[in-house]
Structure formats: C-alpha cells, structure tokens
PDB file of N, CA and C in Angstrom:
ATOM      1  N   MET A   1       5.381 -10.580  22.638  1.00  0.00           N
ATOM      2  CA  MET A   1       4.000 -10.522  22.309  1.00  0.00           C
ATOM      3  C   MET A   1       3.849  -9.174  21.401  1.00  0.00           C
ATOM      4  N   ALA A   2       3.085  -9.313  20.338  1.00  0.00           N
ATOM      5  CA  ALA A   2       2.837  -8.386  19.247  1.00  0.00           C
ATOM      6  C   ALA A   2       1.912  -7.381  19.820  1.00  0.00           C
ATOM      7  N   VAL A   3       2.162  -6.275  19.034  1.00  0.00           N
ATOM      8  CA  VAL A   3       1.241  -5.021  19.455  1.00  0.00           C
ATOM      9  C   VAL A   3       0.037  -5.286  18.181  1.00  0.00           C
ATOM     10  N   LEU A   4      -1.282  -5.440  18.828  1.00  0.00           N
ATOM     11  CA  LEU A   4      -2.433  -5.490  18.174  1.00  0.00           C
ATOM     12  C   LEU A   4      -3.229  -4.286  17.792  1.00  0.00           C
ATOM     13  N   ASP A   5      -3.310  -4.054  16.571  1.00  0.00           N
ATOM     14  CA  ASP A   5      -4.206  -2.926  16.168  1.00  0.00           C
ATOM     15  C   ASP A   5      -5.569  -3.723  15.403  1.00  0.00           C
ATOM     16  N   PRO A   6      -6.544  -2.856  15.434  1.00  0.00           N
ATOM     17  CA  PRO A   6      -7.918  -3.431  14.503  1.00  0.00           C
ATOM     18  C   PRO A   6      -7.609  -3.165  13.259  1.00  0.00           C
ATOM     19  N   CYS A   7      -7.854  -4.008  12.074  1.00  0.00           N
ATOM     20  CA  CYS A   7      -8.028  -3.730  10.819  1.00  0.00           C
ATOM     21  C   CYS A   7      -9.199  -2.506  10.577  1.00  0.00           C
ATOM     22  N   ASP A   8      -8.903  -1.557   9.580  1.00  0.00           N
ATOM     23  CA  ASP A   8      -9.660  -0.494   9.586  1.00  0.00           C
ATOM     24  C   ASP A   8     -10.881  -1.033   8.826  1.00  0.00           C
ATOM     25  N   ASN A   9     -10.809  -2.010   7.922  1.00  0.00           N
ATOM     26  CA  ASN A   9     -11.920  -2.474   7.296  1.00  0.00           C
ATOM     27  C   ASN A   9     -12.963  -3.356   7.913  1.00  0.00           C
ATOM     28  N   CYS A  10     -12.277  -4.566   8.609  1.00  0.00           N
ATOM     29  CA  CYS A  10     -13.089  -5.442   9.335  1.00  0.00           C
ATOM     30  C   CYS A  10     -13.078  -5.424  10.764  1.00  0.00           C
ATOM     31  N   GLY A  11     -12.224  -4.912  11.276  1.00  0.00           N
ATOM     32  CA  GLY A  11     -12.031  -4.713  12.813  1.00  0.00           C
ATOM     33  C   GLY A  11     -11.417  -5.809  13.533  1.00  0.00           C
ATOM     34  N   ARG A  12     -11.030  -6.792  12.735  1.00  0.00           N
ATOM     35  CA  ARG A  12     -10.235  -8.106  13.221  1.00  0.00           C
ATOM     36  C   ARG A  12      -8.725  -7.454  13.703  1.00  0.00           C
ATOM     37  N   PRO A  13      -8.540  -7.822  15.158  1.00  0.00           N
ATOM     38  CA  PRO A  13      -7.191  -7.697  15.764  1.00  0.00           C
ATOM     39  C   PRO A  13      -5.988  -8.160  14.980  1.00  0.00           C
ATOM     40  N   THR A  14      -5.129  -7.472  14.726  1.00  0.00           N
ATOM     41  CA  THR A  14      -4.025  -8.013  13.901  1.00  0.00           C
ATOM     42  C   THR A  14      -2.648  -7.422  14.361  1.00  0.00           C
ATOM     43  N   PRO A  15      -1.644  -8.365  14.121  1.00  0.00           N
ATOM     44  CA  PRO A  15      -0.358  -7.703  14.819  1.00  0.00           C
ATOM     45  C   PRO A  15      -0.028  -6.396  13.850  1.00  0.00           C
ATOM     46  N   ILE A  16       0.538  -5.471  14.275  1.00  0.00           N
ATOM     47  CA  ILE A  16       0.628  -4.226  13.716  1.00  0.00           C
ATOM     48  C   ILE A  16       1.511  -4.316  12.319  1.00  0.00           C
ATOM     49  N   TYR A  17       2.631  -5.259  12.617  1.00  0.00           N
ATOM     50  CA  TYR A  17       3.529  -5.331  11.610  1.00  0.00           C
ATOM     51  C   TYR A  17       2.945  -6.081  10.356  1.00  0.00           C
ATOM     52  N   ARG A  18       1.636  -6.671  10.550  1.00  0.00           N
ATOM     53  CA  ARG A  18       1.085  -7.286   9.386  1.00  0.00           C
ATOM     54  C   ARG A  18       0.056  -6.339   8.784  1.00  0.00           C
ATOM     55  N   LEU A  19      -0.321  -5.046   9.240  1.00  0.00           N
ATOM     56  CA  LEU A  19      -1.115  -4.217   8.675  1.00  0.00           C
ATOM     57  C   LEU A  19      -0.682  -3.544   7.441  1.00  0.00           C
ATOM     58  N   ALA A  20      -1.270  -3.520   6.348  1.00  0.00           N
ATOM     59  CA  ALA A  20      -0.712  -2.766   5.250  1.00  0.00           C
ATOM     60  C   ALA A  20      -1.540  -1.300   5.001  1.00  0.00           C
ATOM     61  N   ALA A  21      -0.537  -0.326   5.033  1.00  0.00           N
ATOM     62  CA  ALA A  21      -1.444   1.135   4.776  1.00  0.00           C
ATOM     63  C   ALA A  21      -1.610   1.291   3.228  1.00  0.00           C
ATOM     64  N   VAL A  22      -2.913   1.503   2.923  1.00  0.00           N
ATOM     65  CA  VAL A  22      -3.441   1.487   1.523  1.00  0.00           C
ATOM     66  C   VAL A  22      -4.376   2.524   1.626  1.00  0.00           C
ATOM     67  N   ILE A  23      -4.948   3.163   0.207  1.00  0.00           N
ATOM     68  CA  ILE A  23      -5.926   3.868   0.114  1.00  0.00           C
ATOM     69  C   ILE A  23      -7.088   3.110  -0.049  1.00  0.00           C
ATOM     70  N   LEU A  24      -8.078   3.294   1.032  1.00  0.00           N
ATOM     71  CA  LEU A  24      -9.228   2.333   0.652  1.00  0.00           C
ATOM     72  C   LEU A  24     -10.324   3.309   0.538  1.00  0.00           C
ATOM     73  N   ASP A  25     -10.956   3.164  -0.682  1.00  0.00           N
ATOM     74  CA  ASP A  25     -12.298   4.036  -0.833  1.00  0.00           C
ATOM     75  C   ASP A  25     -11.983   5.475  -0.846  1.00  0.00           C
ATOM     76  N   GLY A  26     -10.645   5.964  -1.149  1.00  0.00           N
ATOM     77  CA  GLY A  26     -10.384   7.291  -1.018  1.00  0.00           C
ATOM     78  C   GLY A  26      -9.685   7.929   0.127  1.00  0.00           C
ATOM     79  N   ARG A  27      -9.519   6.975   1.031  1.00  0.00           N
ATOM     80  CA  ARG A  27      -8.693   7.458   2.459  1.00  0.00           C
ATOM     81  C   ARG A  27      -7.826   6.638   2.840  1.00  0.00           C
ATOM     82  N   MET A  28      -6.779   6.999   3.668  1.00  0.00           N
ATOM     83  CA  MET A  28      -5.845   6.026   4.170  1.00  0.00           C
ATOM     84  C   MET A  28      -6.390   5.171   5.326  1.00  0.00           C
ATOM     85  N   ALA A  29      -6.005   3.887   4.947  1.00  0.00           N
ATOM     86  CA  ALA A  29      -6.443   2.926   5.944  1.00  0.00           C
ATOM     87  C   ALA A  29      -5.404   1.843   6.125  1.00  0.00           C
ATOM     88  N   ARG A  30      -5.437   1.213   7.270  1.00  0.00           N
ATOM     89  CA  ARG A  30      -4.487   0.055   7.696  1.00  0.00           C
ATOM     90  C   ARG A  30      -5.460  -1.204   7.475  1.00  0.00           C
ATOM     91  N   VAL A  31      -5.138  -2.044   6.716  1.00  0.00           N
ATOM     92  CA  VAL A  31      -6.094  -3.345   6.453  1.00  0.00           C
ATOM     93  C   VAL A  31      -4.987  -4.667   6.714  1.00  0.00           C
ATOM     94  N   CYS A  32      -5.661  -5.805   7.341  1.00  0.00           N
ATOM     95  CA  CYS A  32      -5.306  -6.740   7.438  1.00  0.00           C
ATOM     96  C   CYS A  32      -4.761  -7.685   6.143  1.00  0.00           C
ATOM     97  N   PRO A  33      -4.099  -8.568   6.248  1.00  0.00           N
ATOM     98  CA  PRO A  33      -3.634  -9.457   4.818  1.00  0.00           C
ATOM     99  C   PRO A  33      -4.917 -10.133   4.323  1.00  0.00           C
ATOM    100  N   LEU A  34      -5.990 -10.582   4.914  1.00  0.00           N
ATOM    101  CA  LEU A  34      -7.170 -10.987   4.460  1.00  0.00           C
ATOM    102  C   LEU A  34      -8.091  -9.853   3.709  1.00  0.00           C
ATOM    103  N   CYS A  35      -8.142  -8.757   4.281  1.00  0.00           N
ATOM    104  CA  CYS A  35      -8.851  -7.824   3.415  1.00  0.00           C
ATOM    105  C   CYS A  35      -8.026  -7.198   2.413  1.00  0.00           C
ATOM    106  N   ALA A  36      -6.801  -7.285   2.283  1.00  0.00           N
ATOM    107  CA  ALA A  36      -6.060  -6.824   1.342  1.00  0.00           C
ATOM    108  C   ALA A  36      -6.183  -7.622   0.154  1.00  0.00           C
ATOM    109  N   SER A  37      -6.192  -8.975   0.444  1.00  0.00           N
ATOM    110  CA  SER A  37      -6.431 -10.044  -0.781  1.00  0.00           C
ATOM    111  C   SER A  37      -7.848 -10.032  -1.073  1.00  0.00           C
ATOM    112  N   THR A  38      -8.929  -9.842  -0.395  1.00  0.00           N
ATOM    113  CA  THR A  38     -10.429  -9.814  -0.917  1.00  0.00           C
ATOM    114  C   THR A  38     -10.660  -8.500  -1.570  1.00  0.00           C
ATOM    115  N   GLU A  39     -10.445  -7.355  -1.176  1.00  0.00           N
ATOM    116  CA  GLU A  39     -10.727  -6.111  -1.316  1.00  0.00           C
ATOM    117  C   GLU A  39      -9.976  -5.559  -2.455  1.00  0.00           C
ATOM    118  N   LYS A  40      -9.289  -6.283  -3.489  1.00  0.00           N
ATOM    119  CA  LYS A  40      -8.397  -5.593  -4.371  1.00  0.00           C
ATOM    120  C   LYS A  40      -9.331  -4.460  -5.214  1.00  0.00           C
ATOM    121  N   GLU A  41     -10.329  -4.315  -5.575  1.00  0.00           N
ATOM    122  CA  GLU A  41     -10.931  -3.427  -6.371  1.00  0.00           C
ATOM    123  C   GLU A  41     -11.208  -2.216  -5.697  1.00  0.00           C
ATOM    124  N   ARG A  42     -11.240  -2.169  -4.337  1.00  0.00           N
ATOM    125  CA  ARG A  42     -11.367  -1.075  -3.597  1.00  0.00           C
ATOM    126  C   ARG A  42     -10.172  -0.509  -3.009  1.00  0.00           C
ATOM    127  N   ILE A  43      -8.901  -1.235  -3.217  1.00  0.00           N
ATOM    128  CA  ILE A  43      -7.802  -0.747  -2.643  1.00  0.00           C
ATOM    129  C   ILE A  43      -6.974  -0.182  -3.646  1.00  0.00           C
ATOM    130  N   GLU A  44      -6.263   1.115  -3.450  1.00  0.00           N
ATOM    131  CA  GLU A  44      -5.469   1.585  -4.257  1.00  0.00           C
ATOM    132  C   GLU A  44      -3.932   1.673  -3.391  1.00  0.00           C
ATOM    133  N   VAL A  45      -2.883   1.192  -3.817  1.00  0.00           N
ATOM    134  CA  VAL A  45      -1.640   1.323  -2.874  1.00  0.00           C
ATOM    135  C   VAL A  45      -0.803   2.583  -3.208  1.00  0.00           C
ATOM    136  N   PRO A  46      -0.660   3.225  -2.109  1.00  0.00           N
ATOM    137  CA  PRO A  46       0.055   4.658  -2.337  1.00  0.00           C
ATOM    138  C   PRO A  46       1.522   4.362  -2.513  1.00  0.00           C
ATOM    139  N   TYR A  47       1.978   5.130  -3.160  1.00  0.00           N
ATOM    140  CA  TYR A  47       3.378   5.315  -3.313  1.00  0.00           C
ATOM    141  C   TYR A  47       4.067   4.045  -4.336  1.00  0.00           C
ATOM    142  N   ALA A  48       3.054   3.392  -5.315  1.00  0.00           N
ATOM    143  CA  ALA A  48       3.139   2.118  -6.098  1.00  0.00           C
ATOM    144  C   ALA A  48       4.101   2.818  -7.150  1.00  0.00           C
ATOM    145  N   PRO A  49       4.938   2.115  -7.772  1.00  0.00           N
ATOM    146  CA  PRO A  49       5.590   2.556  -8.833  1.00  0.00           C
ATOM    147  C   PRO A  49       4.774   2.715 -10.165  1.00  0.00           C
ATOM    148  N   ARG A  50       4.911   3.844 -10.940  1.00  0.00           N
ATOM    149  CA  ARG A  50       4.065   3.753 -12.025  1.00  0.00           C
ATOM    150  C   ARG A  50       4.624   3.260 -13.365  1.00  0.00           C
ATOM    151  N   ALA A  51       3.798   2.602 -13.731  1.00  0.00           N
ATOM    152  CA  ALA A  51       4.163   1.764 -15.019  1.00  0.00           C
ATOM    153  C   ALA A  51       4.901   2.442 -16.080  1.00  0.00           C
ATOM    154  N   ASP A  52       4.628   3.738 -16.439  1.00  0.00           N
ATOM    155  CA  ASP A  52       5.001   4.316 -17.315  1.00  0.00           C
ATOM    156  C   ASP A  52       6.345   5.295 -17.034  1.00  0.00           C
ATOM    157  N   GLN A  53       7.066   4.740 -15.862  1.00  0.00           N
ATOM    158  CA  GLN A  53       8.369   5.267 -15.552  1.00  0.00           C
ATOM    159  C   GLN A  53       9.214   4.251 -15.223  1.00  0.00           C
ATOM    160  N   GLY A  54      10.444   4.380 -15.666  1.00  0.00           N
ATOM    161  CA  GLY A  54      11.608   3.377 -15.284  1.00  0.00           C
ATOM    162  C   GLY A  54      12.253   3.914 -14.265  1.00  0.00           C
ATOM    163  N   ALA A  55      13.414   3.257 -14.052  1.00  0.00           N
ATOM    164  CA  ALA A  55      14.083   3.600 -12.866  1.00  0.00           C
ATOM    165  C   ALA A  55      15.202   4.538 -13.226  1.00  0.00           C
ATOM    166  N   ILE A  56      15.550   4.973 -14.617  1.00  0.00           N
ATOM    167  CA  ILE A  56      16.430   6.037 -14.995  1.00  0.00           C
ATOM    168  C   ILE A  56      15.879   7.260 -14.767  1.00  0.00           C
ATOM    169  N   GLN A  57      16.877   8.045 -13.937  1.00  0.00           N
ATOM    170  CA  GLN A  57      16.557   9.424 -13.845  1.00  0.00           C
ATOM    171  C   GLN A  57      16.886  10.476 -14.856  1.00  0.00           C
ATOM    172  N   PRO A  58      16.029  11.255 -15.032  1.00  0.00           N
ATOM    173  CA  PRO A  58      16.420  12.254 -16.313  1.00  0.00           C
ATOM    174  C   PRO A  58      17.762  12.821 -16.244  1.00  0.00           C
ATOM    175  N   SER A  59      18.230  13.146 -15.060  1.00  0.00           N
ATOM    176  CA  SER A  59      19.405  13.958 -14.773  1.00  0.00           C
ATOM    177  C   SER A  59      20.698  13.085 -15.027  1.00  0.00           C
ATOM    178  N   THR A  60      20.410  11.710 -15.236  1.00  0.00           N
ATOM    179  CA  THR A  60      21.639  10.975 -15.347  1.00  0.00           C
ATOM    180  C   THR A  60      21.660  10.237 -16.663  1.00  0.00           C
ATOM    181  N   ALA A  61      20.560  10.304 -17.334  1.00  0.00           N
ATOM    182  CA  ALA A  61      20.400   9.569 -18.755  1.00  0.00           C
ATOM    183  C   ALA A  61      21.344  10.328 -19.409  1.00  0.00           C
ATOM    184  N   ARG A  62      21.864   9.306 -20.548  1.00  0.00           N
ATOM    185  CA  ARG A  62      22.839  10.108 -21.475  1.00  0.00           C
ATOM    186  C   ARG A  62      22.402  10.756 -22.459  1.00  0.00           C
ATOM    187  N   ASP A  63      21.181  10.651 -22.881  1.00  0.00           N
ATOM    188  CA  ASP A  63      20.713  11.389 -24.084  1.00  0.00           C
ATOM    189  C   ASP A  63      20.141  13.058 -23.675  1.00  0.00           C
ATOM    190  N   VAL A  64      20.493  13.467 -22.337  1.00  0.00           N
ATOM    191  CA  VAL A  64      20.261  14.716 -22.045  1.00  0.00           C
ATOM    192  C   VAL A  64      21.567  15.397 -21.956  1.00  0.00           C
ATOM    193  N   TRP A  65      22.719  14.776 -22.119  1.00  0.00           N
ATOM    194  CA  TRP A  65      23.984  15.285 -22.053  1.00  0.00           C
ATOM    195  C   TRP A  65      24.364  15.837 -23.142  1.00  0.00           C
TER     196      TRP A  65
END
C-alpha cells in the first residue's frame, strides 16, 4: 500500500513517489502529475540543468591546461 500525501496545488491524495518537488509561484511545493502537466506556466523546476552550460567542467577542459 502506497503512502498518500495531498498535492500542494489541488489537494488530491497522491502516492508520495508520484509527487514532484517544484517551485510553484515562488515557493517549494509538491504537485501531482496532473497539476505538473496543466500548470506549466506557474512551475519552475529546481535544479534543472541550465541551457548555457555543458557537461564539461572547466577544471578538466583541455583549453585551460
């Protein structure tokens, strides 16, 4: 039996492993998959990779040697 927690947006009981931690309107929130798909303009995903950075670390790049 899964542990259920309410979605911070709609209050729907959702299994805890299905909740996504996101920044919703400037605060951390746990949202269900339905809210994550419908509230895209309000959601900012924390720890998302930035588009301007690649996987190469400056300390291991050959151009700094």
